[in-house]
């Protein structure tokens, strides 16, 4: 636990050297890394989504590739392709940028549906198939995707099945006045001119964290609590009044329960505990469920946000 705490602190301190504030974002990225998951970052432009992703990757002595998504991006541009070599009269395989420890998909909703689907095998199976040959991805492997929700021209909405494959969906908020003041000071002093920082941990340190998280104890009462929460998203009328239940069209899949379990273990590890408590389950409830709940048109018309429904569900289910 002492070694895990040192690794966590090193990553946090390295992250803070480039990203001002954004403590919720820092926690979400760290939990996703420990949980061996992938994260979707959403916000208006200019809130350091790309900087946060590249900074996290820089804290680990590992490979990092950035993919700028555009409508003309092809699946082969991501996973790789086979190229004919005239010198040997044979085809050779050129691996794409997805073959890295950290992969940043910048503005993923600008790529076509065909290109988005090319990431599914890599994200879920941690492998790619090129010319019938399977290539394993390196460990650790983490996809950080960003999207801008306020522009619709030239964008392709991510299907629900693909959204579900992201462990967390984090909404990046505006900085406070004090944090924005600090950003201006750092720009003036030149601290933000270079985005590269020295690596503070190794890939083996990250893998040790991931392995330790799987050994964090989860009591049966906590597991039943998680199951009850997910069941409440599917049958909201049984847990809450019709006033809230009418806003939910579809609840979370079993991936939601798995995400709650893995993130709760990571939260316990970050907080220096070898066991999960209910607060670990509740800490990232919005990030876990906001992209897994499908709300009705009535909810959209009444300007009901997923976070409001999620809070109502957690209030309706008794805490162990």
C-alpha atoms as a PDB file:
ATOM      1  CA  UNK A   1       0.000   0.000   0.000  1.00  0.00           C
ATOM      2  CA  UNK A   2       2.895   2.367   0.723  1.00  0.00           C
ATOM      3  CA  UNK A   3       4.359   1.699  -2.731  1.00  0.00           C
ATOM      4  CA  UNK A   4       0.944   2.228  -4.329  1.00  0.00           C
ATOM      5  CA  UNK A   5       0.537   5.509  -2.484  1.00  0.00           C
ATOM      6  CA  UNK A   6       3.938   6.734  -3.714  1.00  0.00           C
ATOM      7  CA  UNK A   7       3.032   5.882  -7.314  1.00  0.00           C
ATOM      8  CA  UNK A   8      -0.346   7.605  -7.063  1.00  0.00           C
ATOM      9  CA  UNK A   9       1.180  10.719  -5.544  1.00  0.00           C
ATOM     10  CA  UNK A  10       3.898  10.846  -8.193  1.00  0.00           C
ATOM     11  CA  UNK A  11       1.319  10.725 -10.998  1.00  0.00           C
ATOM     12  CA  UNK A  12      -0.837  13.374  -9.319  1.00  0.00           C
ATOM     13  CA  UNK A  13       2.081  15.729  -8.786  1.00  0.00           C
ATOM     14  CA  UNK A  14       3.296  15.259 -12.353  1.00  0.00           C
ATOM     15  CA  UNK A  15      -0.210  15.979 -13.642  1.00  0.00           C
ATOM     16  CA  UNK A  16      -0.482  19.147 -11.532  1.00  0.00           C
ATOM     17  CA  UNK A  17       2.715  20.595 -13.017  1.00  0.00           C
ATOM     18  CA  UNK A  18       0.914  21.232 -16.326  1.00  0.00           C
ATOM     19  CA  UNK A  19      -2.816  21.183 -15.570  1.00  0.00           C
ATOM     20  CA  UNK A  20      -4.131  23.834 -13.189  1.00  0.00           C
ATOM     21  CA  UNK A  21      -7.017  22.690 -10.982  1.00  0.00           C
ATOM     22  CA  UNK A  22      -9.325  20.098 -12.600  1.00  0.00           C
ATOM     23  CA  UNK A  23      -9.107  17.808  -9.569  1.00  0.00           C
ATOM     24  CA  UNK A  24     -12.135  15.764 -10.644  1.00  0.00           C
ATOM     25  CA  UNK A  25     -10.560  15.223 -14.049  1.00  0.00           C
ATOM     26  CA  UNK A  26      -7.274  14.172 -12.461  1.00  0.00           C
ATOM     27  CA  UNK A  27      -9.089  11.650 -10.263  1.00  0.00           C
ATOM     28  CA  UNK A  28     -11.108  10.272 -13.180  1.00  0.00           C
ATOM     29  CA  UNK A  29      -7.999   9.774 -15.330  1.00  0.00           C
ATOM     30  CA  UNK A  30      -6.143   8.062 -12.503  1.00  0.00           C
ATOM     31  CA  UNK A  31      -9.064   5.744 -11.716  1.00  0.00           C
ATOM     32  CA  UNK A  32      -9.424   4.851 -15.397  1.00  0.00           C
ATOM     33  CA  UNK A  33      -5.724   4.024 -15.629  1.00  0.00           C
ATOM     34  CA  UNK A  34      -5.794   1.823 -12.525  1.00  0.00           C
ATOM     35  CA  UNK A  35      -9.002   0.105 -13.681  1.00  0.00           C
ATOM     36  CA  UNK A  36      -7.527  -0.752 -17.111  1.00  0.00           C
ATOM     37  CA  UNK A  37     -10.363   1.152 -18.767  1.00  0.00           C
ATOM     38  CA  UNK A  38     -10.883   3.944 -21.270  1.00  0.00           C
ATOM     39  CA  UNK A  39     -12.291   7.431 -20.758  1.00  0.00           C
ATOM     40  CA  UNK A  40     -14.336   9.900 -22.800  1.00  0.00           C
ATOM     41  CA  UNK A  41     -13.728  13.583 -22.059  1.00  0.00           C
ATOM     42  CA  UNK A  42     -16.385  16.096 -23.055  1.00  0.00           C
ATOM     43  CA  UNK A  43     -16.432  19.887 -22.801  1.00  0.00           C
ATOM     44  CA  UNK A  44     -16.448  23.072 -24.795  1.00  0.00           C
ATOM     45  CA  UNK A  45     -13.166  23.947 -26.550  1.00  0.00           C
ATOM     46  CA  UNK A  46     -10.173  25.263 -24.653  1.00  0.00           C
ATOM     47  CA  UNK A  47     -10.560  23.510 -21.295  1.00  0.00           C
ATOM     48  CA  UNK A  48      -7.305  21.514 -21.513  1.00  0.00           C
ATOM     49  CA  UNK A  49      -8.775  18.115 -22.447  1.00  0.00           C
ATOM     50  CA  UNK A  50      -5.925  17.387 -24.846  1.00  0.00           C
ATOM     51  CA  UNK A  51      -3.345  18.811 -22.445  1.00  0.00           C
ATOM     52  CA  UNK A  52      -4.678  16.647 -19.617  1.00  0.00           C
ATOM     53  CA  UNK A  53      -4.488  13.493 -21.733  1.00  0.00           C
ATOM     54  CA  UNK A  54      -0.963  14.168 -22.989  1.00  0.00           C
ATOM     55  CA  UNK A  55       0.214  15.165 -19.500  1.00  0.00           C
ATOM     56  CA  UNK A  56      -1.042  11.920 -17.959  1.00  0.00           C
ATOM     57  CA  UNK A  57       0.757   9.956 -20.666  1.00  0.00           C
ATOM     58  CA  UNK A  58       3.937  11.944 -20.061  1.00  0.00           C
ATOM     59  CA  UNK A  59       3.981  11.045 -16.368  1.00  0.00           C
ATOM     60  CA  UNK A  60       4.475   7.390 -17.352  1.00  0.00           C
ATOM     61  CA  UNK A  61       7.596   6.296 -19.188  1.00  0.00           C
ATOM     62  CA  UNK A  62       5.575   4.792 -22.008  1.00  0.00           C
ATOM     63  CA  UNK A  63       4.601   5.358 -25.640  1.00  0.00           C
ATOM     64  CA  UNK A  64       1.981   7.950 -26.521  1.00  0.00           C
ATOM     65  CA  UNK A  65       0.253   8.646 -29.839  1.00  0.00           C
ATOM     66  CA  UNK A  66      -2.259  11.340 -30.684  1.00  0.00           C
ATOM     67  CA  UNK A  67      -4.823  10.822 -33.445  1.00  0.00           C
ATOM     68  CA  UNK A  68      -6.605  13.926 -34.706  1.00  0.00           C
ATOM     69  CA  UNK A  69      -9.969  12.651 -35.897  1.00  0.00           C
ATOM     70  CA  UNK A  70     -11.395  14.075 -39.119  1.00  0.00           C
ATOM     71  CA  UNK A  71     -14.231  12.933 -41.426  1.00  0.00           C
ATOM     72  CA  UNK A  72     -11.757  11.518 -43.963  1.00  0.00           C
ATOM     73  CA  UNK A  73      -9.831   9.446 -41.405  1.00  0.00           C
ATOM     74  CA  UNK A  74      -9.752   5.754 -42.406  1.00  0.00           C
ATOM     75  CA  UNK A  75      -9.671   2.686 -40.121  1.00  0.00           C
ATOM     76  CA  UNK A  76      -6.254   1.776 -41.557  1.00  0.00           C
ATOM     77  CA  UNK A  77      -4.986   5.168 -40.403  1.00  0.00           C
ATOM     78  CA  UNK A  78      -5.631   3.999 -36.844  1.00  0.00           C
ATOM     79  CA  UNK A  79      -4.944   0.259 -36.661  1.00  0.00           C
ATOM     80  CA  UNK A  80      -2.397  -0.028 -39.492  1.00  0.00           C
ATOM     81  CA  UNK A  81      -2.241  -1.704 -42.887  1.00  0.00           C
ATOM     82  CA  UNK A  82      -0.174  -3.929 -45.159  1.00  0.00           C
ATOM     83  CA  UNK A  83       2.181  -2.269 -47.627  1.00  0.00           C
ATOM     84  CA  UNK A  84       3.803  -3.935 -50.651  1.00  0.00           C
ATOM     85  CA  UNK A  85       7.606  -3.878 -50.490  1.00  0.00           C
ATOM     86  CA  UNK A  86       8.995  -3.954 -54.048  1.00  0.00           C
ATOM     87  CA  UNK A  87      12.456  -4.933 -52.788  1.00  0.00           C
ATOM     88  CA  UNK A  88      11.258  -8.202 -51.282  1.00  0.00           C
ATOM     89  CA  UNK A  89       8.146  -8.596 -53.476  1.00  0.00           C
ATOM     90  CA  UNK A  90       6.146  -9.176 -50.316  1.00  0.00           C
ATOM     91  CA  UNK A  91       3.658  -7.374 -48.098  1.00  0.00           C
ATOM     92  CA  UNK A  92       4.869  -5.948 -44.803  1.00  0.00           C
ATOM     93  CA  UNK A  93       2.697  -4.867 -41.900  1.00  0.00           C
ATOM     94  CA  UNK A  94       2.844  -1.281 -40.716  1.00  0.00           C
ATOM     95  CA  UNK A  95       1.233  -0.897 -37.306  1.00  0.00           C
ATOM     96  CA  UNK A  96      -0.943   2.140 -36.773  1.00  0.00           C
ATOM     97  CA  UNK A  97      -0.790   4.722 -33.978  1.00  0.00           C
ATOM     98  CA  UNK A  98      -3.233   2.730 -31.825  1.00  0.00           C
ATOM     99  CA  UNK A  99      -0.280   0.485 -30.963  1.00  0.00           C
ATOM    100  CA  UNK A 100       0.869   2.587 -28.019  1.00  0.00           C
ATOM    101  CA  UNK A 101       0.390   2.588 -24.259  1.00  0.00           C
ATOM    102  CA  UNK A 102      -1.651   5.800 -24.331  1.00  0.00           C
ATOM    103  CA  UNK A 103      -3.770   6.741 -27.346  1.00  0.00           C
ATOM    104  CA  UNK A 104      -5.474  10.131 -27.561  1.00  0.00           C
ATOM    105  CA  UNK A 105      -8.415  10.256 -29.974  1.00  0.00           C
ATOM    106  CA  UNK A 106      -8.898  13.987 -30.306  1.00  0.00           C
ATOM    107  CA  UNK A 107     -12.472  14.965 -31.252  1.00  0.00           C
ATOM    108  CA  UNK A 108     -13.571  11.381 -31.786  1.00  0.00           C
ATOM    109  CA  UNK A 109     -17.040  12.467 -32.911  1.00  0.00           C
ATOM    110  CA  UNK A 110     -15.511  14.048 -36.040  1.00  0.00           C
ATOM    111  CA  UNK A 111     -14.467  10.640 -37.408  1.00  0.00           C
ATOM    112  CA  UNK A 112     -16.894   8.543 -39.440  1.00  0.00           C
ATOM    113  CA  UNK A 113     -18.841   5.643 -37.954  1.00  0.00           C
ATOM    114  CA  UNK A 114     -16.638   3.156 -39.814  1.00  0.00           C
ATOM    115  CA  UNK A 115     -13.503   4.642 -38.302  1.00  0.00           C
ATOM    116  CA  UNK A 116     -15.063   4.799 -34.823  1.00  0.00           C
ATOM    117  CA  UNK A 117     -15.917   1.102 -35.039  1.00  0.00           C
ATOM    118  CA  UNK A 118     -12.287   0.309 -35.863  1.00  0.00           C
ATOM    119  CA  UNK A 119     -11.437   1.218 -32.281  1.00  0.00           C
ATOM    120  CA  UNK A 120     -13.912  -1.266 -30.759  1.00  0.00           C
ATOM    121  CA  UNK A 121     -11.683  -4.334 -31.093  1.00  0.00           C
ATOM    122  CA  UNK A 122      -8.682  -2.416 -29.785  1.00  0.00           C
ATOM    123  CA  UNK A 123     -10.571  -1.035 -26.781  1.00  0.00           C
ATOM    124  CA  UNK A 124     -12.362  -4.239 -25.832  1.00  0.00           C
ATOM    125  CA  UNK A 125     -10.018  -7.022 -26.923  1.00  0.00           C
ATOM    126  CA  UNK A 126      -6.742  -5.072 -26.649  1.00  0.00           C
ATOM    127  CA  UNK A 127      -5.665  -6.314 -30.029  1.00  0.00           C
ATOM    128  CA  UNK A 128      -5.935  -5.461 -33.715  1.00  0.00           C
ATOM    129  CA  UNK A 129      -6.253  -7.643 -36.795  1.00  0.00           C
ATOM    130  CA  UNK A 130      -4.355  -6.635 -39.943  1.00  0.00           C
ATOM    131  CA  UNK A 131      -4.408  -8.899 -42.984  1.00  0.00           C
ATOM    132  CA  UNK A 132      -5.745 -11.798 -40.914  1.00  0.00           C
ATOM    133  CA  UNK A 133      -2.890 -11.506 -38.402  1.00  0.00           C
ATOM    134  CA  UNK A 134      -3.579 -10.557 -34.789  1.00  0.00           C
ATOM    135  CA  UNK A 135      -1.353  -8.018 -33.047  1.00  0.00           C
ATOM    136  CA  UNK A 136      -1.530  -7.585 -29.284  1.00  0.00           C
ATOM    137  CA  UNK A 137      -1.478  -4.059 -27.895  1.00  0.00           C
ATOM    138  CA  UNK A 138       1.110  -3.069 -25.298  1.00  0.00           C
ATOM    139  CA  UNK A 139       0.404  -2.986 -21.573  1.00  0.00           C
ATOM    140  CA  UNK A 140      -0.714  -0.767 -20.027  1.00  0.00           C
ATOM    141  CA  UNK A 141      -3.130   0.365 -22.742  1.00  0.00           C
ATOM    142  CA  UNK A 142      -5.543   3.268 -22.341  1.00  0.00           C
ATOM    143  CA  UNK A 143      -7.665   5.223 -24.816  1.00  0.00           C
ATOM    144  CA  UNK A 144      -8.473   8.842 -23.995  1.00  0.00           C
ATOM    145  CA  UNK A 145     -11.106  10.233 -26.350  1.00  0.00           C
ATOM    146  CA  UNK A 146     -12.303  13.828 -26.435  1.00  0.00           C
ATOM    147  CA  UNK A 147     -15.386  15.345 -27.990  1.00  0.00           C
ATOM    148  CA  UNK A 148     -16.910  18.785 -28.352  1.00  0.00           C
ATOM    149  CA  UNK A 149     -20.672  18.743 -27.663  1.00  0.00           C
ATOM    150  CA  UNK A 150     -21.587  22.172 -29.028  1.00  0.00           C
ATOM    151  CA  UNK A 151     -20.806  21.662 -32.722  1.00  0.00           C
ATOM    152  CA  UNK A 152     -22.861  19.431 -35.004  1.00  0.00           C
ATOM    153  CA  UNK A 153     -21.422  20.265 -38.431  1.00  0.00           C
ATOM    154  CA  UNK A 154     -19.111  17.516 -39.668  1.00  0.00           C
ATOM    155  CA  UNK A 155     -19.653  15.311 -36.604  1.00  0.00           C
ATOM    156  CA  UNK A 156     -20.909  11.744 -36.130  1.00  0.00           C
ATOM    157  CA  UNK A 157     -22.656  10.992 -32.850  1.00  0.00           C
ATOM    158  CA  UNK A 158     -21.153   8.024 -31.027  1.00  0.00           C
ATOM    159  CA  UNK A 159     -23.625   5.097 -30.924  1.00  0.00           C
ATOM    160  CA  UNK A 160     -24.769   3.907 -27.509  1.00  0.00           C
ATOM    161  CA  UNK A 161     -22.996   0.565 -27.919  1.00  0.00           C
ATOM    162  CA  UNK A 162     -19.676   2.334 -28.367  1.00  0.00           C
ATOM    163  CA  UNK A 163     -20.311   4.819 -25.549  1.00  0.00           C
ATOM    164  CA  UNK A 164     -20.847   1.864 -23.227  1.00  0.00           C
ATOM    165  CA  UNK A 165     -17.293   0.685 -23.841  1.00  0.00           C
ATOM    166  CA  UNK A 166     -15.865   3.739 -22.134  1.00  0.00           C
ATOM    167  CA  UNK A 167     -15.399   3.122 -18.431  1.00  0.00           C
ATOM    168  CA  UNK A 168     -16.060   6.791 -17.591  1.00  0.00           C
ATOM    169  CA  UNK A 169     -17.429   9.856 -19.307  1.00  0.00           C
ATOM    170  CA  UNK A 170     -16.040  12.935 -17.612  1.00  0.00           C
ATOM    171  CA  UNK A 171     -17.470  16.414 -18.183  1.00  0.00           C
ATOM    172  CA  UNK A 172     -14.680  18.984 -17.944  1.00  0.00           C
ATOM    173  CA  UNK A 173     -15.930  22.185 -16.334  1.00  0.00           C
ATOM    174  CA  UNK A 174     -14.725  25.785 -16.574  1.00  0.00           C
ATOM    175  CA  UNK A 175     -11.899  26.721 -14.187  1.00  0.00           C
ATOM    176  CA  UNK A 176     -12.497  28.976 -11.211  1.00  0.00           C
ATOM    177  CA  UNK A 177     -11.318  32.597 -11.339  1.00  0.00           C
ATOM    178  CA  UNK A 178      -8.316  31.733  -9.155  1.00  0.00           C
ATOM    179  CA  UNK A 179      -7.356  28.796 -11.376  1.00  0.00           C
ATOM    180  CA  UNK A 180      -7.662  30.873 -14.551  1.00  0.00           C
ATOM    181  CA  UNK A 181      -5.529  33.566 -12.928  1.00  0.00           C
ATOM    182  CA  UNK A 182      -2.887  30.903 -12.219  1.00  0.00           C
ATOM    183  CA  UNK A 183      -3.012  29.785 -15.863  1.00  0.00           C
ATOM    184  CA  UNK A 184      -2.229  33.331 -17.001  1.00  0.00           C
ATOM    185  CA  UNK A 185       0.661  33.541 -14.528  1.00  0.00           C
ATOM    186  CA  UNK A 186       2.134  30.273 -15.788  1.00  0.00           C
ATOM    187  CA  UNK A 187       1.871  31.430 -19.400  1.00  0.00           C
ATOM    188  CA  UNK A 188       3.607  34.668 -18.508  1.00  0.00           C
ATOM    189  CA  UNK A 189       6.460  32.843 -16.769  1.00  0.00           C
ATOM    190  CA  UNK A 190       6.786  30.308 -19.589  1.00  0.00           C
ATOM    191  CA  UNK A 191       5.875  27.289 -17.485  1.00  0.00           C
ATOM    192  CA  UNK A 192       3.266  26.129 -20.019  1.00  0.00           C
ATOM    193  CA  UNK A 193       5.378  26.667 -23.129  1.00  0.00           C
ATOM    194  CA  UNK A 194       6.612  23.072 -23.147  1.00  0.00           C
ATOM    195  CA  UNK A 195       4.088  20.274 -22.786  1.00  0.00           C
ATOM    196  CA  UNK A 196       6.666  17.593 -22.124  1.00  0.00           C
ATOM    197  CA  UNK A 197       7.467  16.617 -18.552  1.00  0.00           C
ATOM    198  CA  UNK A 198       9.801  14.057 -17.084  1.00  0.00           C
ATOM    199  CA  UNK A 199       8.281  10.603 -16.566  1.00  0.00           C
ATOM    200  CA  UNK A 200       7.769   9.891 -12.874  1.00  0.00           C
ATOM    201  CA  UNK A 201       6.645   6.243 -12.982  1.00  0.00           C
ATOM    202  CA  UNK A 202       7.341   3.239 -15.196  1.00  0.00           C
ATOM    203  CA  UNK A 203       4.856   0.966 -16.978  1.00  0.00           C
ATOM    204  CA  UNK A 204       5.648  -1.751 -14.424  1.00  0.00           C
ATOM    205  CA  UNK A 205       4.587   0.625 -11.628  1.00  0.00           C
ATOM    206  CA  UNK A 206       1.249   1.136 -13.373  1.00  0.00           C
ATOM    207  CA  UNK A 207       0.799  -2.613 -13.870  1.00  0.00           C
ATOM    208  CA  UNK A 208       1.500  -3.151 -10.172  1.00  0.00           C
ATOM    209  CA  UNK A 209      -1.225  -0.628  -9.340  1.00  0.00           C
ATOM    210  CA  UNK A 210      -3.635  -2.388 -11.674  1.00  0.00           C
ATOM    211  CA  UNK A 211      -2.827  -5.768 -10.170  1.00  0.00           C
ATOM    212  CA  UNK A 212      -3.205  -4.456  -6.614  1.00  0.00           C
ATOM    213  CA  UNK A 213      -6.613  -2.940  -7.451  1.00  0.00           C
ATOM    214  CA  UNK A 214      -7.936  -6.378  -8.422  1.00  0.00           C
ATOM    215  CA  UNK A 215      -7.015  -7.631  -4.946  1.00  0.00           C
ATOM    216  CA  UNK A 216      -8.904  -4.915  -3.046  1.00  0.00           C
ATOM    217  CA  UNK A 217     -11.569  -6.624  -0.922  1.00  0.00           C
ATOM    218  CA  UNK A 218     -15.212  -6.036  -1.835  1.00  0.00           C
ATOM    219  CA  UNK A 219     -17.810  -7.277   0.642  1.00  0.00           C
ATOM    220  CA  UNK A 220     -20.946  -9.041  -0.567  1.00  0.00           C
ATOM    221  CA  UNK A 221     -23.047  -6.184   0.825  1.00  0.00           C
ATOM    222  CA  UNK A 222     -21.207  -3.734  -1.451  1.00  0.00           C
ATOM    223  CA  UNK A 223     -21.739  -5.973  -4.464  1.00  0.00           C
ATOM    224  CA  UNK A 224     -25.468  -6.219  -3.702  1.00  0.00           C
ATOM    225  CA  UNK A 225     -25.540  -2.433  -3.359  1.00  0.00           C
ATOM    226  CA  UNK A 226     -24.021  -2.075  -6.830  1.00  0.00           C
ATOM    227  CA  UNK A 227     -26.487  -4.573  -8.312  1.00  0.00           C
ATOM    228  CA  UNK A 228     -29.407  -2.742  -6.685  1.00  0.00           C
ATOM    229  CA  UNK A 229     -28.225   0.596  -8.113  1.00  0.00           C
ATOM    230  CA  UNK A 230     -27.950  -0.784 -11.636  1.00  0.00           C
ATOM    231  CA  UNK A 231     -31.311  -2.544 -11.301  1.00  0.00           C
ATOM    232  CA  UNK A 232     -32.843   0.779 -10.241  1.00  0.00           C
ATOM    233  CA  UNK A 233     -31.746   2.330 -13.537  1.00  0.00           C
ATOM    234  CA  UNK A 234     -33.624  -0.421 -15.404  1.00  0.00           C
ATOM    235  CA  UNK A 235     -36.762  -0.386 -13.250  1.00  0.00           C
ATOM    236  CA  UNK A 236     -36.906   3.154 -11.880  1.00  0.00           C
ATOM    237  CA  UNK A 237     -40.633   2.991 -11.117  1.00  0.00           C
ATOM    238  CA  UNK A 238     -39.979   0.315  -8.465  1.00  0.00           C
ATOM    239  CA  UNK A 239     -37.543   2.561  -6.606  1.00  0.00           C
ATOM    240  CA  UNK A 240     -38.728   6.084  -7.276  1.00  0.00           C
ATOM    241  CA  UNK A 241     -41.916   7.906  -8.057  1.00  0.00           C
ATOM    242  CA  UNK A 242     -43.303   8.261 -11.550  1.00  0.00           C
ATOM    243  CA  UNK A 243     -42.093  11.865 -11.544  1.00  0.00           C
ATOM    244  CA  UNK A 244     -38.510  10.693 -12.076  1.00  0.00           C
ATOM    245  CA  UNK A 245     -39.109   7.253 -13.610  1.00  0.00           C
ATOM    246  CA  UNK A 246     -40.798   8.740 -16.687  1.00  0.00           C
ATOM    247  CA  UNK A 247     -37.498  10.328 -17.683  1.00  0.00           C
ATOM    248  CA  UNK A 248     -35.637   7.006 -18.028  1.00  0.00           C
ATOM    249  CA  UNK A 249     -36.081   5.029 -21.247  1.00  0.00           C
ATOM    250  CA  UNK A 250     -33.255   2.478 -20.900  1.00  0.00           C
ATOM    251  CA  UNK A 251     -31.057   1.673 -17.924  1.00  0.00           C
ATOM    252  CA  UNK A 252     -27.419   0.645 -17.650  1.00  0.00           C
ATOM    253  CA  UNK A 253     -26.082  -2.643 -18.999  1.00  0.00           C
ATOM    254  CA  UNK A 254     -24.049  -5.129 -16.921  1.00  0.00           C
ATOM    255  CA  UNK A 255     -21.003  -3.112 -17.969  1.00  0.00           C
ATOM    256  CA  UNK A 256     -22.325  -0.437 -15.618  1.00  0.00           C
ATOM    257  CA  UNK A 257     -22.133  -2.803 -12.655  1.00  0.00           C
ATOM    258  CA  UNK A 258     -18.661  -3.958 -13.681  1.00  0.00           C
ATOM    259  CA  UNK A 259     -17.554  -0.324 -14.024  1.00  0.00           C
ATOM    260  CA  UNK A 260     -18.862   0.483 -10.534  1.00  0.00           C
ATOM    261  CA  UNK A 261     -16.987  -2.467  -9.058  1.00  0.00           C
ATOM    262  CA  UNK A 262     -13.656  -1.740 -10.755  1.00  0.00           C
ATOM    263  CA  UNK A 263     -13.748   2.010 -10.117  1.00  0.00           C
ATOM    264  CA  UNK A 264     -14.709   1.467  -6.473  1.00  0.00           C
ATOM    265  CA  UNK A 265     -11.642  -0.738  -6.051  1.00  0.00           C
ATOM    266  CA  UNK A 266      -9.467   1.907  -7.683  1.00  0.00           C
ATOM    267  CA  UNK A 267     -10.935   4.620  -5.439  1.00  0.00           C
ATOM    268  CA  UNK A 268     -10.207   2.507  -2.351  1.00  0.00           C
ATOM    269  CA  UNK A 269      -6.618   2.014  -3.490  1.00  0.00           C
ATOM    270  CA  UNK A 270      -6.159   5.726  -4.167  1.00  0.00           C
ATOM    271  CA  UNK A 271      -7.470   6.503  -0.685  1.00  0.00           C
ATOM    272  CA  UNK A 272      -5.047   4.032   0.918  1.00  0.00           C
ATOM    273  CA  UNK A 273      -7.527   1.289   1.817  1.00  0.00           C
ATOM    274  CA  UNK A 274      -7.517  -2.411   1.053  1.00  0.00           C
ATOM    275  CA  UNK A 275     -11.312  -2.647   1.132  1.00  0.00           C
ATOM    276  CA  UNK A 276     -14.218  -0.865  -0.563  1.00  0.00           C
ATOM    277  CA  UNK A 277     -16.733   1.295   1.316  1.00  0.00           C
ATOM    278  CA  UNK A 278     -20.029   2.721  -0.071  1.00  0.00           C
ATOM    279  CA  UNK A 279     -18.429   6.137  -0.586  1.00  0.00           C
ATOM    280  CA  UNK A 280     -16.069   4.553  -3.136  1.00  0.00           C
ATOM    281  CA  UNK A 281     -19.081   3.406  -5.158  1.00  0.00           C
ATOM    282  CA  UNK A 282     -20.747   6.815  -4.938  1.00  0.00           C
ATOM    283  CA  UNK A 283     -17.696   8.949  -5.741  1.00  0.00           C
ATOM    284  CA  UNK A 284     -17.778   8.576  -9.548  1.00  0.00           C
ATOM    285  CA  UNK A 285     -21.483   7.792 -10.000  1.00  0.00           C
ATOM    286  CA  UNK A 286     -22.024  10.572 -12.557  1.00  0.00           C
ATOM    287  CA  UNK A 287     -19.015   9.606 -14.677  1.00  0.00           C
ATOM    288  CA  UNK A 288     -20.027   5.937 -14.648  1.00  0.00           C
ATOM    289  CA  UNK A 289     -23.710   6.306 -15.493  1.00  0.00           C
ATOM    290  CA  UNK A 290     -24.207   9.560 -17.427  1.00  0.00           C
ATOM    291  CA  UNK A 291     -23.395   7.881 -20.752  1.00  0.00           C
ATOM    292  CA  UNK A 292     -25.140   4.618 -19.914  1.00  0.00           C
ATOM    293  CA  UNK A 293     -28.610   6.004 -19.192  1.00  0.00           C
ATOM    294  CA  UNK A 294     -30.861   6.683 -22.161  1.00  0.00           C
ATOM    295  CA  UNK A 295     -33.333   9.405 -21.237  1.00  0.00           C
ATOM    296  CA  UNK A 296     -36.698  10.008 -22.853  1.00  0.00           C
ATOM    297  CA  UNK A 297     -37.587  12.879 -25.137  1.00  0.00           C
ATOM    298  CA  UNK A 298     -39.629  14.246 -22.254  1.00  0.00           C
ATOM    299  CA  UNK A 299     -36.447  14.569 -20.212  1.00  0.00           C
ATOM    300  CA  UNK A 300     -34.834  16.519 -23.029  1.00  0.00           C
ATOM    301  CA  UNK A 301     -37.870  18.773 -23.279  1.00  0.00           C
ATOM    302  CA  UNK A 302     -37.877  19.405 -19.524  1.00  0.00           C
ATOM    303  CA  UNK A 303     -34.103  20.010 -19.527  1.00  0.00           C
ATOM    304  CA  UNK A 304     -33.513  17.113 -17.139  1.00  0.00           C
ATOM    305  CA  UNK A 305     -29.845  16.167 -17.025  1.00  0.00           C
ATOM    306  CA  UNK A 306     -28.628  12.590 -16.436  1.00  0.00           C
ATOM    307  CA  UNK A 307     -26.901  13.712 -13.224  1.00  0.00           C
ATOM    308  CA  UNK A 308     -30.281  14.636 -11.703  1.00  0.00           C
ATOM    309  CA  UNK A 309     -31.673  11.175 -12.424  1.00  0.00           C
ATOM    310  CA  UNK A 310     -28.508   9.479 -11.140  1.00  0.00           C
ATOM    311  CA  UNK A 311     -28.666  11.382  -7.836  1.00  0.00           C
ATOM    312  CA  UNK A 312     -32.328  10.411  -7.453  1.00  0.00           C
ATOM    313  CA  UNK A 313     -31.464   6.756  -7.982  1.00  0.00           C
ATOM    314  CA  UNK A 314     -28.691   6.820  -5.390  1.00  0.00           C
ATOM    315  CA  UNK A 315     -31.027   8.496  -2.906  1.00  0.00           C
ATOM    316  CA  UNK A 316     -33.705   5.841  -3.492  1.00  0.00           C
ATOM    317  CA  UNK A 317     -31.420   2.824  -2.961  1.00  0.00           C
ATOM    318  CA  UNK A 318     -30.491   2.238   0.716  1.00  0.00           C
ATOM    319  CA  UNK A 319     -26.773   2.513   1.497  1.00  0.00           C
ATOM    320  CA  UNK A 320     -25.329  -0.539   3.310  1.00  0.00           C
END
